[in-house]
């Protein structure tokens, strides 16, 4: 499996788990669980795709982890800054798992998956 596809799959799966874990935050969050799961899955998809694209170009585990962490953090910050309908923001609850998801996806795309094959030009 190539690195961007691996990133998308791992990111979507971890995003799904991240969104589903919001169930434990209480009844006011449970009413919004479907939107949270969809949003978290989408954030994971984007993070995985970008980390996988980087992994095709750059073969560096520390750079891949840092890139995934930063992308996950940025996307999570964008979501957390919107707040809910009462104006409450969940920065800690959204940004911590989002950045962890990004770091894991960055690791997975650097460590696993098939690198692009280098073909020699015909002479």
C-alpha atoms as a PDB file:
ATOM      1  CA  UNK A   1       0.000   0.000   0.000  1.00  0.00           C
ATOM      2  CA  UNK A   2       1.409   3.399  -0.861  1.00  0.00           C
ATOM      3  CA  UNK A   3       2.107   6.003   1.801  1.00  0.00           C
ATOM      4  CA  UNK A   4      -0.716   8.505   1.091  1.00  0.00           C
ATOM      5  CA  UNK A   5      -3.348   5.730   1.069  1.00  0.00           C
ATOM      6  CA  UNK A   6      -1.908   4.330   4.308  1.00  0.00           C
ATOM      7  CA  UNK A   7      -2.033   7.823   5.811  1.00  0.00           C
ATOM      8  CA  UNK A   8      -5.656   8.324   4.791  1.00  0.00           C
ATOM      9  CA  UNK A   9      -6.711   4.955   6.234  1.00  0.00           C
ATOM     10  CA  UNK A  10      -4.801   5.336   9.511  1.00  0.00           C
ATOM     11  CA  UNK A  11      -5.883   8.963   9.856  1.00  0.00           C
ATOM     12  CA  UNK A  12      -9.547   8.165   9.227  1.00  0.00           C
ATOM     13  CA  UNK A  13      -9.517   5.252  11.680  1.00  0.00           C
ATOM     14  CA  UNK A  14      -7.816   7.273  14.412  1.00  0.00           C
ATOM     15  CA  UNK A  15     -10.113  10.233  13.694  1.00  0.00           C
ATOM     16  CA  UNK A  16     -13.128   7.971  14.072  1.00  0.00           C
ATOM     17  CA  UNK A  17     -11.836   6.718  17.431  1.00  0.00           C
ATOM     18  CA  UNK A  18     -10.994  10.274  18.515  1.00  0.00           C
ATOM     19  CA  UNK A  19     -14.472  11.515  17.657  1.00  0.00           C
ATOM     20  CA  UNK A  20     -16.173   8.566  19.318  1.00  0.00           C
ATOM     21  CA  UNK A  21     -14.209   9.185  22.520  1.00  0.00           C
ATOM     22  CA  UNK A  22     -16.064  12.505  22.896  1.00  0.00           C
ATOM     23  CA  UNK A  23     -19.018  10.431  24.113  1.00  0.00           C
ATOM     24  CA  UNK A  24     -17.411  10.343  27.561  1.00  0.00           C
ATOM     25  CA  UNK A  25     -17.475  14.155  28.009  1.00  0.00           C
ATOM     26  CA  UNK A  26     -21.096  14.316  29.076  1.00  0.00           C
ATOM     27  CA  UNK A  27     -24.671  14.682  27.890  1.00  0.00           C
ATOM     28  CA  UNK A  28     -24.205  18.097  26.250  1.00  0.00           C
ATOM     29  CA  UNK A  29     -21.511  16.602  23.997  1.00  0.00           C
ATOM     30  CA  UNK A  30     -23.374  13.342  23.418  1.00  0.00           C
ATOM     31  CA  UNK A  31     -26.124  15.265  21.648  1.00  0.00           C
ATOM     32  CA  UNK A  32     -23.548  16.359  19.049  1.00  0.00           C
ATOM     33  CA  UNK A  33     -21.687  13.045  18.704  1.00  0.00           C
ATOM     34  CA  UNK A  34     -22.532  12.408  15.040  1.00  0.00           C
ATOM     35  CA  UNK A  35     -21.092  15.742  13.909  1.00  0.00           C
ATOM     36  CA  UNK A  36     -18.068  15.292  16.153  1.00  0.00           C
ATOM     37  CA  UNK A  37     -17.307  11.835  14.751  1.00  0.00           C
ATOM     38  CA  UNK A  38     -17.694  13.035  11.157  1.00  0.00           C
ATOM     39  CA  UNK A  39     -15.522  16.090  11.782  1.00  0.00           C
ATOM     40  CA  UNK A  40     -12.811  14.129  13.583  1.00  0.00           C
ATOM     41  CA  UNK A  41     -12.750  11.515  10.848  1.00  0.00           C
ATOM     42  CA  UNK A  42     -12.406  14.239   8.222  1.00  0.00           C
ATOM     43  CA  UNK A  43      -9.565  15.899  10.188  1.00  0.00           C
ATOM     44  CA  UNK A  44      -7.815  12.527  10.368  1.00  0.00           C
ATOM     45  CA  UNK A  45      -8.298  11.994   6.636  1.00  0.00           C
ATOM     46  CA  UNK A  46      -6.725  15.342   5.777  1.00  0.00           C
ATOM     47  CA  UNK A  47      -3.864  14.852   8.233  1.00  0.00           C
ATOM     48  CA  UNK A  48      -3.186  11.376   6.871  1.00  0.00           C
ATOM     49  CA  UNK A  49      -3.249  12.493   3.262  1.00  0.00           C
ATOM     50  CA  UNK A  50      -0.814  15.355   3.903  1.00  0.00           C
ATOM     51  CA  UNK A  51       1.499  13.202   6.024  1.00  0.00           C
ATOM     52  CA  UNK A  52       1.465  10.495   3.361  1.00  0.00           C
ATOM     53  CA  UNK A  53       2.285  12.984   0.627  1.00  0.00           C
ATOM     54  CA  UNK A  54       5.201  14.277   2.693  1.00  0.00           C
ATOM     55  CA  UNK A  55       6.387  10.706   3.324  1.00  0.00           C
ATOM     56  CA  UNK A  56       6.636  10.144  -0.436  1.00  0.00           C
ATOM     57  CA  UNK A  57       8.999  13.094  -0.779  1.00  0.00           C
ATOM     58  CA  UNK A  58      10.926  13.128   2.513  1.00  0.00           C
ATOM     59  CA  UNK A  59      12.228  10.002   4.247  1.00  0.00           C
ATOM     60  CA  UNK A  60      12.779  11.279   7.786  1.00  0.00           C
ATOM     61  CA  UNK A  61      10.985   9.867  10.803  1.00  0.00           C
ATOM     62  CA  UNK A  62      11.442  12.984  13.002  1.00  0.00           C
ATOM     63  CA  UNK A  63      10.260  15.312  10.226  1.00  0.00           C
ATOM     64  CA  UNK A  64       7.269  13.066   9.488  1.00  0.00           C
ATOM     65  CA  UNK A  65       6.217  12.940  13.138  1.00  0.00           C
ATOM     66  CA  UNK A  66       6.676  16.699  13.593  1.00  0.00           C
ATOM     67  CA  UNK A  67       4.791  17.460  10.372  1.00  0.00           C
ATOM     68  CA  UNK A  68       1.894  15.185  11.339  1.00  0.00           C
ATOM     69  CA  UNK A  69       1.783  16.690  14.821  1.00  0.00           C
ATOM     70  CA  UNK A  70       1.703  20.240  13.447  1.00  0.00           C
ATOM     71  CA  UNK A  71      -0.970  19.467  10.845  1.00  0.00           C
ATOM     72  CA  UNK A  72      -3.110  17.694  13.444  1.00  0.00           C
ATOM     73  CA  UNK A  73      -2.597  20.554  15.875  1.00  0.00           C
ATOM     74  CA  UNK A  74      -3.502  23.203  13.280  1.00  0.00           C
ATOM     75  CA  UNK A  75      -6.649  21.423  12.119  1.00  0.00           C
ATOM     76  CA  UNK A  76      -7.692  20.766  15.709  1.00  0.00           C
ATOM     77  CA  UNK A  77      -7.109  24.393  16.652  1.00  0.00           C
ATOM     78  CA  UNK A  78      -9.312  25.481  13.751  1.00  0.00           C
ATOM     79  CA  UNK A  79     -12.129  23.278  15.018  1.00  0.00           C
ATOM     80  CA  UNK A  80     -11.640  24.162  18.703  1.00  0.00           C
ATOM     81  CA  UNK A  81     -11.637  27.887  17.992  1.00  0.00           C
ATOM     82  CA  UNK A  82     -15.169  27.660  16.584  1.00  0.00           C
ATOM     83  CA  UNK A  83     -16.639  26.708  19.939  1.00  0.00           C
ATOM     84  CA  UNK A  84     -20.088  25.300  20.552  1.00  0.00           C
ATOM     85  CA  UNK A  85     -23.446  27.050  20.400  1.00  0.00           C
ATOM     86  CA  UNK A  86     -23.068  28.341  23.978  1.00  0.00           C
ATOM     87  CA  UNK A  87     -19.687  29.890  23.141  1.00  0.00           C
ATOM     88  CA  UNK A  88     -17.617  27.376  25.097  1.00  0.00           C
ATOM     89  CA  UNK A  89     -14.340  26.278  23.541  1.00  0.00           C
ATOM     90  CA  UNK A  90     -12.799  22.837  24.043  1.00  0.00           C
ATOM     91  CA  UNK A  91      -9.170  23.578  23.158  1.00  0.00           C
ATOM     92  CA  UNK A  92      -7.569  20.983  25.424  1.00  0.00           C
ATOM     93  CA  UNK A  93     -10.083  18.242  24.622  1.00  0.00           C
ATOM     94  CA  UNK A  94      -9.759  18.726  20.846  1.00  0.00           C
ATOM     95  CA  UNK A  95      -6.157  19.811  20.304  1.00  0.00           C
ATOM     96  CA  UNK A  96      -4.402  17.193  22.443  1.00  0.00           C
ATOM     97  CA  UNK A  97      -5.914  14.136  20.718  1.00  0.00           C
ATOM     98  CA  UNK A  98      -5.716  15.863  17.331  1.00  0.00           C
ATOM     99  CA  UNK A  99      -1.999  16.500  17.641  1.00  0.00           C
ATOM    100  CA  UNK A 100      -1.418  12.964  18.965  1.00  0.00           C
ATOM    101  CA  UNK A 101      -3.349  11.589  15.980  1.00  0.00           C
ATOM    102  CA  UNK A 102      -1.137  13.630  13.663  1.00  0.00           C
ATOM    103  CA  UNK A 103       2.061  12.392  15.290  1.00  0.00           C
ATOM    104  CA  UNK A 104       0.930   8.753  15.020  1.00  0.00           C
ATOM    105  CA  UNK A 105      -0.080   9.182  11.381  1.00  0.00           C
ATOM    106  CA  UNK A 106       3.230  10.929  10.648  1.00  0.00           C
ATOM    107  CA  UNK A 107       5.065   7.999  12.217  1.00  0.00           C
ATOM    108  CA  UNK A 108       3.006   5.387  10.367  1.00  0.00           C
ATOM    109  CA  UNK A 109       3.455   6.988   6.972  1.00  0.00           C
ATOM    110  CA  UNK A 110       7.207   7.306   7.417  1.00  0.00           C
ATOM    111  CA  UNK A 111       7.734   3.852   8.860  1.00  0.00           C
ATOM    112  CA  UNK A 112       5.267   1.754   6.877  1.00  0.00           C
ATOM    113  CA  UNK A 113       3.811   1.746   3.407  1.00  0.00           C
ATOM    114  CA  UNK A 114       5.462   1.386   0.049  1.00  0.00           C
ATOM    115  CA  UNK A 115       7.792   4.118  -1.084  1.00  0.00           C
ATOM    116  CA  UNK A 116       7.476   5.214  -4.694  1.00  0.00           C
ATOM    117  CA  UNK A 117       9.583   3.176  -7.056  1.00  0.00           C
ATOM    118  CA  UNK A 118      12.405   4.973  -8.781  1.00  0.00           C
ATOM    119  CA  UNK A 119      12.522   4.175 -12.471  1.00  0.00           C
ATOM    120  CA  UNK A 120      15.567   4.771 -14.564  1.00  0.00           C
ATOM    121  CA  UNK A 121      15.154   6.828 -17.706  1.00  0.00           C
ATOM    122  CA  UNK A 122      15.606   4.871 -20.946  1.00  0.00           C
ATOM    123  CA  UNK A 123      18.870   5.531 -22.763  1.00  0.00           C
END
